Amino acid sequence: MFAKRFFYVCAGLLCLAIAYHLGARNAGAQSGSMVSGFAAEGTGIDPNRANGMFSVMTPNGDIFARYMDSGGGGGSLRYVGNFWDGTTPTQQSTFGSVKARYR
């Protein structure tokens, strides 16, 4: 009984070592890319043509958009804003002031 359990533990460790050896590699999906994200919002007028707004986000958080009309022609590229546009203003308050505010 003990030998059987020992065998299963050793076999499991061997399988983990083999799986790590075969599957481990460095992650580098979009390293050095000029675009971090892409979004397309279609209007659904003609499914065979590009319709709607297409947006891209750069690695520093800048968002650019272009409107594509139903004829396939594109509008000019315009700067929409920055996704990381600063912090949210907050104010530290005590527990007593929070209770008094919501009574």
PDB file of N, CA and C in Angstrom:
ATOM      1  N   MET A   1       0.820  -1.192   0.000  1.00  0.00           N
ATOM      2  CA  MET A   1       0.000   0.000   0.000  1.00  0.00           C
ATOM      3  C   MET A   1       0.868   1.261   0.000  1.00  0.00           C
ATOM      4  N   PHE A   2       1.887   1.286   0.853  1.00  0.00           N
ATOM      5  CA  PHE A   2       2.763   2.447   0.930  1.00  0.00           C
ATOM      6  C   PHE A   2       3.568   2.616  -0.358  1.00  0.00           C
ATOM      7  N   ALA A   3       4.005   1.499  -0.955  1.00  0.00           N
ATOM      8  CA  ALA A   3       4.777   1.559  -2.192  1.00  0.00           C
ATOM      9  C   ALA A   3       3.930   2.099  -3.345  1.00  0.00           C
ATOM     10  N   LYS A   4       2.672   1.761  -3.347  1.00  0.00           N
ATOM     11  CA  LYS A   4       1.776   2.235  -4.391  1.00  0.00           C
ATOM     12  C   LYS A   4       1.600   3.760  -4.298  1.00  0.00           C
ATOM     13  N   ARG A   5       1.389   4.293  -3.090  1.00  0.00           N
ATOM     14  CA  ARG A   5       1.262   5.731  -2.904  1.00  0.00           C
ATOM     15  C   ARG A   5       2.555   6.444  -3.283  1.00  0.00           C
ATOM     16  N   PHE A   6       3.687   5.879  -2.893  1.00  0.00           N
ATOM     17  CA  PHE A   6       4.976   6.461  -3.222  1.00  0.00           C
ATOM     18  C   PHE A   6       5.173   6.509  -4.738  1.00  0.00           C
ATOM     19  N   PHE A   7       4.770   5.463  -5.428  1.00  0.00           N
ATOM     20  CA  PHE A   7       4.867   5.431  -6.874  1.00  0.00           C
ATOM     21  C   PHE A   7       4.011   6.533  -7.517  1.00  0.00           C
ATOM     22  N   TYR A   8       2.777   6.715  -7.035  1.00  0.00           N
ATOM     23  CA  TYR A   8       1.903   7.746  -7.590  1.00  0.00           C
ATOM     24  C   TYR A   8       2.455   9.157  -7.353  1.00  0.00           C
ATOM     25  N   VAL A   9       3.039   9.392  -6.190  1.00  0.00           N
ATOM     26  CA  VAL A   9       3.631  10.694  -5.905  1.00  0.00           C
ATOM     27  C   VAL A   9       4.812  10.943  -6.833  1.00  0.00           C
ATOM     28  N   CYS A  10       5.672   9.946  -6.998  1.00  0.00           N
ATOM     29  CA  CYS A  10       6.821  10.097  -7.892  1.00  0.00           C
ATOM     30  C   CYS A  10       6.379  10.295  -9.344  1.00  0.00           C
ATOM     31  N   ALA A  11       5.360   9.563  -9.777  1.00  0.00           N
ATOM     32  CA  ALA A  11       4.860   9.704 -11.139  1.00  0.00           C
ATOM     33  C   ALA A  11       4.260  11.095 -11.350  1.00  0.00           C
ATOM     34  N   GLY A  12       3.555  11.616 -10.349  1.00  0.00           N
ATOM     35  CA  GLY A  12       2.988  12.956 -10.447  1.00  0.00           C
ATOM     36  C   GLY A  12       4.062  14.026 -10.542  1.00  0.00           C
ATOM     37  N   LEU A  13       5.107  13.904  -9.733  1.00  0.00           N
ATOM     38  CA  LEU A  13       6.211  14.862  -9.792  1.00  0.00           C
ATOM     39  C   LEU A  13       6.924  14.789 -11.133  1.00  0.00           C
ATOM     40  N   LEU A  14       7.095  13.595 -11.670  1.00  0.00           N
ATOM     41  CA  LEU A  14       7.719  13.433 -12.975  1.00  0.00           C
ATOM     42  C   LEU A  14       6.869  14.090 -14.070  1.00  0.00           C
ATOM     43  N   CYS A  15       5.553  13.909 -13.996  1.00  0.00           N
ATOM     44  CA  CYS A  15       4.666  14.543 -14.986  1.00  0.00           C
ATOM     45  C   CYS A  15       4.738  16.064 -14.894  1.00  0.00           C
ATOM     46  N   LEU A  16       4.788  16.615 -13.674  1.00  0.00           N
ATOM     47  CA  LEU A  16       4.914  18.057 -13.516  1.00  0.00           C
ATOM     48  C   LEU A  16       6.229  18.569 -14.085  1.00  0.00           C
ATOM     49  N   ALA A  17       7.312  17.833 -13.850  1.00  0.00           N
ATOM     50  CA  ALA A  17       8.616  18.248 -14.364  1.00  0.00           C
ATOM     51  C   ALA A  17       8.639  18.211 -15.891  1.00  0.00           C
ATOM     52  N   ILE A  18       8.050  17.198 -16.480  1.00  0.00           N
ATOM     53  CA  ILE A  18       8.004  17.095 -17.946  1.00  0.00           C
ATOM     54  C   ILE A  18       7.128  18.196 -18.534  1.00  0.00           C
ATOM     55  N   ALA A  19       5.981  18.467 -17.915  1.00  0.00           N
ATOM     56  CA  ALA A  19       5.094  19.517 -18.410  1.00  0.00           C
ATOM     57  C   ALA A  19       5.768  20.881 -18.332  1.00  0.00           C
ATOM     58  N   TYR A  20       6.492  21.148 -17.258  1.00  0.00           N
ATOM     59  CA  TYR A  20       7.199  22.414 -17.138  1.00  0.00           C
ATOM     60  C   TYR A  20       8.307  22.509 -18.181  1.00  0.00           C
ATOM     61  N   HIS A  21       9.018  21.427 -18.392  1.00  0.00           N
ATOM     62  CA  HIS A  21      10.111  21.422 -19.353  1.00  0.00           C
ATOM     63  C   HIS A  21       9.602  21.666 -20.778  1.00  0.00           C
ATOM     64  N   LEU A  22       8.453  21.112 -21.118  1.00  0.00           N
ATOM     65  CA  LEU A  22       7.913  21.264 -22.464  1.00  0.00           C
ATOM     66  C   LEU A  22       7.202  22.594 -22.669  1.00  0.00           C
ATOM     67  N   GLY A  23       6.599  23.159 -21.620  1.00  0.00           N
ATOM     68  CA  GLY A  23       5.758  24.326 -21.809  1.00  0.00           C
ATOM     69  C   GLY A  23       6.317  25.644 -21.324  1.00  0.00           C
ATOM     70  N   ALA A  24       7.404  25.649 -20.599  1.00  0.00           N
ATOM     71  CA  ALA A  24       7.903  26.898 -20.027  1.00  0.00           C
ATOM     72  C   ALA A  24       8.707  27.681 -21.060  1.00  0.00           C
ATOM     73  N   ARG A  25       8.338  28.944 -21.240  1.00  0.00           N
ATOM     74  CA  ARG A  25       9.093  29.854 -22.097  1.00  0.00           C
ATOM     75  C   ARG A  25       8.749  31.280 -21.688  1.00  0.00           C
ATOM     76  N   ASN A  26       9.505  32.229 -22.146  1.00  0.00           N
ATOM     77  CA  ASN A  26       9.280  33.623 -21.785  1.00  0.00           C
ATOM     78  C   ASN A  26       8.044  34.161 -22.495  1.00  0.00           C
ATOM     79  N   ALA A  27       7.299  34.995 -21.779  1.00  0.00           N
ATOM     80  CA  ALA A  27       6.126  35.642 -22.365  1.00  0.00           C
ATOM     81  C   ALA A  27       6.566  36.914 -23.063  1.00  0.00           C
ATOM     82  N   GLY A  28       6.133  37.112 -24.281  1.00  0.00           N
ATOM     83  CA  GLY A  28       6.489  38.304 -25.034  1.00  0.00           C
ATOM     84  C   GLY A  28       5.449  38.610 -26.083  1.00  0.00           C
ATOM     85  N   ALA A  29       4.195  38.642 -25.693  1.00  0.00           N
ATOM     86  CA  ALA A  29       3.107  38.773 -26.652  1.00  0.00           C
ATOM     87  C   ALA A  29       3.158  40.082 -27.435  1.00  0.00           C
ATOM     88  N   GLN A  30       3.161  41.207 -26.753  1.00  0.00           N
ATOM     89  CA  GLN A  30       3.118  42.478 -27.457  1.00  0.00           C
ATOM     90  C   GLN A  30       4.270  43.381 -27.044  1.00  0.00           C
ATOM     91  N   SER A  31       5.368  42.825 -26.683  1.00  0.00           N
ATOM     92  CA  SER A  31       6.478  43.671 -26.258  1.00  0.00           C
ATOM     93  C   SER A  31       6.995  44.483 -27.435  1.00  0.00           C
ATOM     94  N   GLY A  32       7.125  45.781 -27.251  1.00  0.00           N
ATOM     95  CA  GLY A  32       7.609  46.653 -28.308  1.00  0.00           C
ATOM     96  C   GLY A  32       6.557  47.064 -29.313  1.00  0.00           C
ATOM     97  N   SER A  33       5.309  46.733 -29.069  1.00  0.00           N
ATOM     98  CA  SER A  33       4.247  47.054 -30.016  1.00  0.00           C
ATOM     99  C   SER A  33       3.840  48.518 -29.894  1.00  0.00           C
ATOM    100  N   MET A  34       3.420  49.114 -30.988  1.00  0.00           N
ATOM    101  CA  MET A  34       2.948  50.494 -30.977  1.00  0.00           C
ATOM    102  C   MET A  34       1.480  50.584 -30.557  1.00  0.00           C
ATOM    103  N   VAL A  35       0.751  49.470 -30.556  1.00  0.00           N
ATOM    104  CA  VAL A  35      -0.663  49.450 -30.200  1.00  0.00           C
ATOM    105  C   VAL A  35      -0.864  48.480 -29.054  1.00  0.00           C
ATOM    106  N   SER A  36      -1.524  48.945 -27.988  1.00  0.00           N
ATOM    107  CA  SER A  36      -1.818  48.079 -26.848  1.00  0.00           C
ATOM    108  C   SER A  36      -3.212  47.488 -26.923  1.00  0.00           C
ATOM    109  N   GLY A  37      -4.120  48.175 -27.593  1.00  0.00           N
ATOM    110  CA  GLY A  37      -5.482  47.673 -27.683  1.00  0.00           C
ATOM    111  C   GLY A  37      -6.181  48.205 -28.918  1.00  0.00           C
ATOM    112  N   PHE A  38      -7.225  47.500 -29.350  1.00  0.00           N
ATOM    113  CA  PHE A  38      -7.988  47.881 -30.536  1.00  0.00           C
ATOM    114  C   PHE A  38      -9.455  47.609 -30.258  1.00  0.00           C
ATOM    115  N   ALA A  39     -10.309  48.531 -30.670  1.00  0.00           N
ATOM    116  CA  ALA A  39     -11.754  48.346 -30.500  1.00  0.00           C
ATOM    117  C   ALA A  39     -12.463  48.797 -31.762  1.00  0.00           C
ATOM    118  N   ALA A  40     -13.493  48.057 -32.144  1.00  0.00           N
ATOM    119  CA  ALA A  40     -14.295  48.405 -33.310  1.00  0.00           C
ATOM    120  C   ALA A  40     -15.755  48.420 -32.890  1.00  0.00           C
ATOM    121  N   GLU A  41     -16.422  49.523 -33.191  1.00  0.00           N
ATOM    122  CA  GLU A  41     -17.839  49.649 -32.876  1.00  0.00           C
ATOM    123  C   GLU A  41     -18.573  49.884 -34.179  1.00  0.00           C
ATOM    124  N   GLY A  42     -19.247  48.853 -34.658  1.00  0.00           N
ATOM    125  CA  GLY A  42     -19.919  48.940 -35.944  1.00  0.00           C
ATOM    126  C   GLY A  42     -21.335  49.443 -35.828  1.00  0.00           C
ATOM    127  N   THR A  43     -21.821  50.030 -36.923  1.00  0.00           N
ATOM    128  CA  THR A  43     -23.200  50.518 -36.950  1.00  0.00           C
ATOM    129  C   THR A  43     -24.155  49.494 -37.530  1.00  0.00           C
ATOM    130  N   GLY A  44     -23.627  48.502 -38.240  1.00  0.00           N
ATOM    131  CA  GLY A  44     -24.473  47.446 -38.776  1.00  0.00           C
ATOM    132  C   GLY A  44     -25.236  47.811 -40.018  1.00  0.00           C
ATOM    133  N   ILE A  45     -24.858  48.873 -40.730  1.00  0.00           N
ATOM    134  CA  ILE A  45     -25.577  49.273 -41.948  1.00  0.00           C
ATOM    135  C   ILE A  45     -25.326  48.257 -43.059  1.00  0.00           C
ATOM    136  N   ASP A  46     -24.084  47.948 -43.319  1.00  0.00           N
ATOM    137  CA  ASP A  46     -23.717  47.008 -44.371  1.00  0.00           C
ATOM    138  C   ASP A  46     -22.621  46.099 -43.825  1.00  0.00           C
ATOM    139  N   PRO A  47     -22.903  44.825 -43.607  1.00  0.00           N
ATOM    140  CA  PRO A  47     -21.896  43.952 -43.008  1.00  0.00           C
ATOM    141  C   PRO A  47     -20.686  43.686 -43.911  1.00  0.00           C
ATOM    142  N   ASN A  48     -20.792  43.983 -45.212  1.00  0.00           N
ATOM    143  CA  ASN A  48     -19.682  43.741 -46.125  1.00  0.00           C
ATOM    144  C   ASN A  48     -18.701  44.913 -46.182  1.00  0.00           C
ATOM    145  N   ARG A  49     -19.017  46.001 -45.528  1.00  0.00           N
ATOM    146  CA  ARG A  49     -18.149  47.179 -45.549  1.00  0.00           C
ATOM    147  C   ARG A  49     -17.818  47.607 -44.128  1.00  0.00           C
ATOM    148  N   ALA A  50     -16.759  48.376 -43.996  1.00  0.00           N
ATOM    149  CA  ALA A  50     -16.349  48.866 -42.680  1.00  0.00           C
ATOM    150  C   ALA A  50     -17.230  50.037 -42.276  1.00  0.00           C
ATOM    151  N   ASN A  51     -17.986  49.876 -41.205  1.00  0.00           N
ATOM    152  CA  ASN A  51     -18.870  50.925 -40.705  1.00  0.00           C
ATOM    153  C   ASN A  51     -18.581  51.144 -39.238  1.00  0.00           C
ATOM    154  N   GLY A  52     -18.565  52.380 -38.817  1.00  0.00           N
ATOM    155  CA  GLY A  52     -18.476  52.655 -37.404  1.00  0.00           C
ATOM    156  C   GLY A  52     -17.171  53.302 -36.996  1.00  0.00           C
ATOM    157  N   MET A  53     -16.905  53.223 -35.705  1.00  0.00           N
ATOM    158  CA  MET A  53     -15.751  53.863 -35.103  1.00  0.00           C
ATOM    159  C   MET A  53     -14.713  52.799 -34.758  1.00  0.00           C
ATOM    160  N   PHE A  54     -13.476  53.072 -35.146  1.00  0.00           N
ATOM    161  CA  PHE A  54     -12.365  52.190 -34.827  1.00  0.00           C
ATOM    162  C   PHE A  54     -11.403  52.959 -33.934  1.00  0.00           C
ATOM    163  N   SER A  55     -11.028  52.378 -32.815  1.00  0.00           N
ATOM    164  CA  SER A  55     -10.168  53.042 -31.846  1.00  0.00           C
ATOM    165  C   SER A  55      -8.962  52.169 -31.532  1.00  0.00           C
ATOM    166  N   VAL A  56      -7.831  52.834 -31.286  1.00  0.00           N
ATOM    167  CA  VAL A  56      -6.617  52.130 -30.844  1.00  0.00           C
ATOM    168  C   VAL A  56      -6.074  52.842 -29.618  1.00  0.00           C
ATOM    169  N   MET A  57      -5.397  52.075 -28.760  1.00  0.00           N
ATOM    170  CA  MET A  57      -4.765  52.640 -27.582  1.00  0.00           C
ATOM    171  C   MET A  57      -3.280  52.324 -27.619  1.00  0.00           C
ATOM    172  N   THR A  58      -2.443  53.339 -27.441  1.00  0.00           N
ATOM    173  CA  THR A  58      -0.993  53.173 -27.439  1.00  0.00           C
ATOM    174  C   THR A  58      -0.535  52.730 -26.046  1.00  0.00           C
ATOM    175  N   PRO A  59       0.710  52.256 -25.914  1.00  0.00           N
ATOM    176  CA  PRO A  59       1.184  51.789 -24.604  1.00  0.00           C
ATOM    177  C   PRO A  59       1.159  52.845 -23.497  1.00  0.00           C
ATOM    178  N   ASN A  60       1.253  54.132 -23.827  1.00  0.00           N
ATOM    179  CA  ASN A  60       1.213  55.151 -22.779  1.00  0.00           C
ATOM    180  C   ASN A  60      -0.210  55.578 -22.426  1.00  0.00           C
ATOM    181  N   GLY A  61      -1.243  55.002 -23.058  1.00  0.00           N
ATOM    182  CA  GLY A  61      -2.628  55.262 -22.711  1.00  0.00           C
ATOM    183  C   GLY A  61      -3.350  56.222 -23.629  1.00  0.00           C
ATOM    184  N   ASP A  62      -2.669  56.797 -24.643  1.00  0.00           N
ATOM    185  CA  ASP A  62      -3.339  57.690 -25.590  1.00  0.00           C
ATOM    186  C   ASP A  62      -4.299  56.898 -26.468  1.00  0.00           C
ATOM    187  N   ILE A  63      -5.484  57.458 -26.689  1.00  0.00           N
ATOM    188  CA  ILE A  63      -6.504  56.787 -27.496  1.00  0.00           C
ATOM    189  C   ILE A  63      -6.768  57.627 -28.736  1.00  0.00           C
ATOM    190  N   PHE A  64      -6.701  56.979 -29.904  1.00  0.00           N
ATOM    191  CA  PHE A  64      -6.966  57.613 -31.186  1.00  0.00           C
ATOM    192  C   PHE A  64      -8.133  56.890 -31.841  1.00  0.00           C
ATOM    193  N   ALA A  65      -8.977  57.641 -32.559  1.00  0.00           N
ATOM    194  CA  ALA A  65     -10.160  57.058 -33.185  1.00  0.00           C
ATOM    195  C   ALA A  65     -10.293  57.552 -34.618  1.00  0.00           C
ATOM    196  N   ARG A  66     -10.939  56.716 -35.424  1.00  0.00           N
ATOM    197  CA  ARG A  66     -11.224  57.065 -36.817  1.00  0.00           C
ATOM    198  C   ARG A  66     -12.610  56.521 -37.149  1.00  0.00           C
ATOM    199  N   TYR A  67     -13.431  57.373 -37.776  1.00  0.00           N
ATOM    200  CA  TYR A  67     -14.756  56.953 -38.210  1.00  0.00           C
ATOM    201  C   TYR A  67     -14.679  56.472 -39.647  1.00  0.00           C
ATOM    202  N   MET A  68     -15.257  55.311 -39.908  1.00  0.00           N
ATOM    203  CA  MET A  68     -15.307  54.761 -41.263  1.00  0.00           C
ATOM    204  C   MET A  68     -16.750  54.842 -41.747  1.00  0.00           C
ATOM    205  N   ASP A  69     -16.974  55.459 -42.901  1.00  0.00           N
ATOM    206  CA  ASP A  69     -18.332  55.588 -43.412  1.00  0.00           C
ATOM    207  C   ASP A  69     -18.751  54.333 -44.167  1.00  0.00           C
ATOM    208  N   SER A  70     -20.001  54.313 -44.614  1.00  0.00           N
ATOM    209  CA  SER A  70     -20.543  53.121 -45.253  1.00  0.00           C
ATOM    210  C   SER A  70     -19.914  52.839 -46.608  1.00  0.00           C
ATOM    211  N   GLY A  71     -19.262  53.813 -47.224  1.00  0.00           N
ATOM    212  CA  GLY A  71     -18.606  53.603 -48.499  1.00  0.00           C
ATOM    213  C   GLY A  71     -17.204  53.046 -48.357  1.00  0.00           C
ATOM    214  N   GLY A  72     -16.752  52.858 -47.141  1.00  0.00           N
ATOM    215  CA  GLY A  72     -15.413  52.328 -46.913  1.00  0.00           C
ATOM    216  C   GLY A  72     -14.355  53.399 -46.765  1.00  0.00           C
ATOM    217  N   GLY A  73     -14.727  54.651 -46.985  1.00  0.00           N
ATOM    218  CA  GLY A  73     -13.775  55.735 -46.823  1.00  0.00           C
ATOM    219  C   GLY A  73     -13.604  56.085 -45.358  1.00  0.00           C
ATOM    220  N   GLY A  74     -12.394  56.444 -45.002  1.00  0.00           N
ATOM    221  CA  GLY A  74     -12.127  56.746 -43.612  1.00  0.00           C
ATOM    222  C   GLY A  74     -12.021  58.229 -43.354  1.00  0.00           C
ATOM    223  N   GLY A  75     -12.445  58.622 -42.196  1.00  0.00           N
ATOM    224  CA  GLY A  75     -12.276  60.000 -41.775  1.00  0.00           C
ATOM    225  C   GLY A  75     -10.863  60.207 -41.261  1.00  0.00           C
ATOM    226  N   SER A  76     -10.611  61.380 -40.764  1.00  0.00           N
ATOM    227  CA  SER A  76      -9.279  61.666 -40.258  1.00  0.00           C
ATOM    228  C   SER A  76      -9.091  61.057 -38.872  1.00  0.00           C
ATOM    229  N   LEU A  77      -7.868  60.746 -38.571  1.00  0.00           N
ATOM    230  CA  LEU A  77      -7.522  60.197 -37.266  1.00  0.00           C
ATOM    231  C   LEU A  77      -7.553  61.328 -36.254  1.00  0.00           C
ATOM    232  N   ARG A  78      -8.229  61.110 -35.128  1.00  0.00           N
ATOM    233  CA  ARG A  78      -8.312  62.167 -34.127  1.00  0.00           C
ATOM    234  C   ARG A  78      -7.957  61.617 -32.750  1.00  0.00           C
ATOM    235  N   TYR A  79      -7.374  62.486 -31.947  1.00  0.00           N
ATOM    236  CA  TYR A  79      -6.979  62.153 -30.584  1.00  0.00           C
ATOM    237  C   TYR A  79      -8.199  62.266 -29.689  1.00  0.00           C
ATOM    238  N   VAL A  80      -8.525  61.191 -28.970  1.00  0.00           N
ATOM    239  CA  VAL A  80      -9.700  61.175 -28.112  1.00  0.00           C
ATOM    240  C   VAL A  80      -9.345  61.592 -26.693  1.00  0.00           C
ATOM    241  N   GLY A  81      -8.252  61.066 -26.175  1.00  0.00           N
ATOM    242  CA  GLY A  81      -7.846  61.383 -24.810  1.00  0.00           C
ATOM    243  C   GLY A  81      -6.856  60.355 -24.308  1.00  0.00           C
ATOM    244  N   ASN A  82      -6.573  60.419 -23.031  1.00  0.00           N
ATOM    245  CA  ASN A  82      -5.660  59.477 -22.406  1.00  0.00           C
ATOM    246  C   ASN A  82      -6.432  58.637 -21.411  1.00  0.00           C
ATOM    247  N   PHE A  83      -6.247  57.334 -21.473  1.00  0.00           N
ATOM    248  CA  PHE A  83      -6.958  56.419 -20.585  1.00  0.00           C
ATOM    249  C   PHE A  83      -6.519  56.610 -19.145  1.00  0.00           C
ATOM    250  N   TRP A  84      -5.255  56.892 -18.910  1.00  0.00           N
ATOM    251  CA  TRP A  84      -4.701  57.072 -17.565  1.00  0.00           C
ATOM    252  C   TRP A  84      -4.700  58.557 -17.216  1.00  0.00           C
ATOM    253  N   ASP A  85      -5.780  59.255 -17.427  1.00  0.00           N
ATOM    254  CA  ASP A  85      -5.834  60.709 -17.335  1.00  0.00           C
ATOM    255  C   ASP A  85      -5.858  61.213 -15.892  1.00  0.00           C
ATOM    256  N   GLY A  86      -4.872  60.890 -15.122  1.00  0.00           N
ATOM    257  CA  GLY A  86      -4.746  61.437 -13.776  1.00  0.00           C
ATOM    258  C   GLY A  86      -5.461  60.618 -12.724  1.00  0.00           C
ATOM    259  N   THR A  87      -5.459  61.135 -11.529  1.00  0.00           N
ATOM    260  CA  THR A  87      -6.029  60.421 -10.392  1.00  0.00           C
ATOM    261  C   THR A  87      -7.454  60.881 -10.127  1.00  0.00           C
ATOM    262  N   THR A  88      -8.173  60.089  -9.378  1.00  0.00           N
ATOM    263  CA  THR A  88      -9.512  60.444  -8.956  1.00  0.00           C
ATOM    264  C   THR A  88      -9.405  61.265  -7.681  1.00  0.00           C
ATOM    265  N   PRO A  89     -10.005  62.456  -7.651  1.00  0.00           N
ATOM    266  CA  PRO A  89      -9.897  63.265  -6.442  1.00  0.00           C
ATOM    267  C   PRO A  89     -10.647  62.622  -5.284  1.00  0.00           C
ATOM    268  N   THR A  90      -9.994  62.515  -4.155  1.00  0.00           N
ATOM    269  CA  THR A  90     -10.612  61.929  -2.966  1.00  0.00           C
ATOM    270  C   THR A  90     -10.329  62.810  -1.774  1.00  0.00           C
ATOM    271  N   GLN A  91     -11.076  62.577  -0.731  1.00  0.00           N
ATOM    272  CA  GLN A  91     -10.879  63.314   0.505  1.00  0.00           C
ATOM    273  C   GLN A  91     -10.949  62.311   1.645  1.00  0.00           C
ATOM    274  N   GLN A  92      -9.939  62.333   2.502  1.00  0.00           N
ATOM    275  CA  GLN A  92      -9.921  61.408   3.623  1.00  0.00           C
ATOM    276  C   GLN A  92     -10.908  61.882   4.671  1.00  0.00           C
ATOM    277  N   SER A  93     -11.726  60.964   5.172  1.00  0.00           N
ATOM    278  CA  SER A  93     -12.708  61.326   6.184  1.00  0.00           C
ATOM    279  C   SER A  93     -12.706  60.285   7.292  1.00  0.00           C
ATOM    280  N   THR A  94     -13.186  60.677   8.433  1.00  0.00           N
ATOM    281  CA  THR A  94     -13.242  59.761   9.568  1.00  0.00           C
ATOM    282  C   THR A  94     -14.511  58.926   9.492  1.00  0.00           C
ATOM    283  N   PHE A  95     -14.547  57.858  10.276  1.00  0.00           N
ATOM    284  CA  PHE A  95     -15.710  56.993  10.294  1.00  0.00           C
ATOM    285  C   PHE A  95     -16.922  57.734  10.856  1.00  0.00           C
ATOM    286  N   GLY A  96     -16.701  58.602  11.826  1.00  0.00           N
ATOM    287  CA  GLY A  96     -17.797  59.376  12.412  1.00  0.00           C
ATOM    288  C   GLY A  96     -18.426  60.320  11.409  1.00  0.00           C
ATOM    289  N   SER A  97     -17.620  60.969  10.568  1.00  0.00           N
ATOM    290  CA  SER A  97     -18.185  61.877   9.564  1.00  0.00           C
ATOM    291  C   SER A  97     -18.947  61.117   8.481  1.00  0.00           C
ATOM    292  N   VAL A  98     -18.503  59.917   8.142  1.00  0.00           N
ATOM    293  CA  VAL A  98     -19.225  59.098   7.165  1.00  0.00           C
ATOM    294  C   VAL A  98     -20.586  58.683   7.729  1.00  0.00           C
ATOM    295  N   LYS A  99     -20.614  58.279   8.995  1.00  0.00           N
ATOM    296  CA  LYS A  99     -21.902  57.907   9.628  1.00  0.00           C
ATOM    297  C   LYS A  99     -22.848  59.101   9.696  1.00  0.00           C
ATOM    298  N   ALA A 100     -22.322  60.275  10.017  1.00  0.00           N
ATOM    299  CA  ALA A 100     -23.178  61.464  10.122  1.00  0.00           C
ATOM    300  C   ALA A 100     -23.722  61.863   8.758  1.00  0.00           C
ATOM    301  N   ARG A 101     -22.932  61.685   7.698  1.00  0.00           N
ATOM    302  CA  ARG A 101     -23.370  62.070   6.366  1.00  0.00           C
ATOM    303  C   ARG A 101     -24.502  61.184   5.858  1.00  0.00           C
ATOM    304  N   TYR A 102     -24.489  59.895   6.192  1.00  0.00           N
ATOM    305  CA  TYR A 102     -25.483  58.970   5.660  1.00  0.00           C
ATOM    306  C   TYR A 102     -26.581  58.616   6.653  1.00  0.00           C
ATOM    307  N   ARG A 103     -26.805  59.417   7.693  1.00  0.00           N
ATOM    308  CA  ARG A 103     -27.910  59.173   8.620  1.00  0.00           C
ATOM    309  C   ARG A 103     -29.195  59.715   8.088  1.00  0.00           C
TER     310      ARG A 103
END
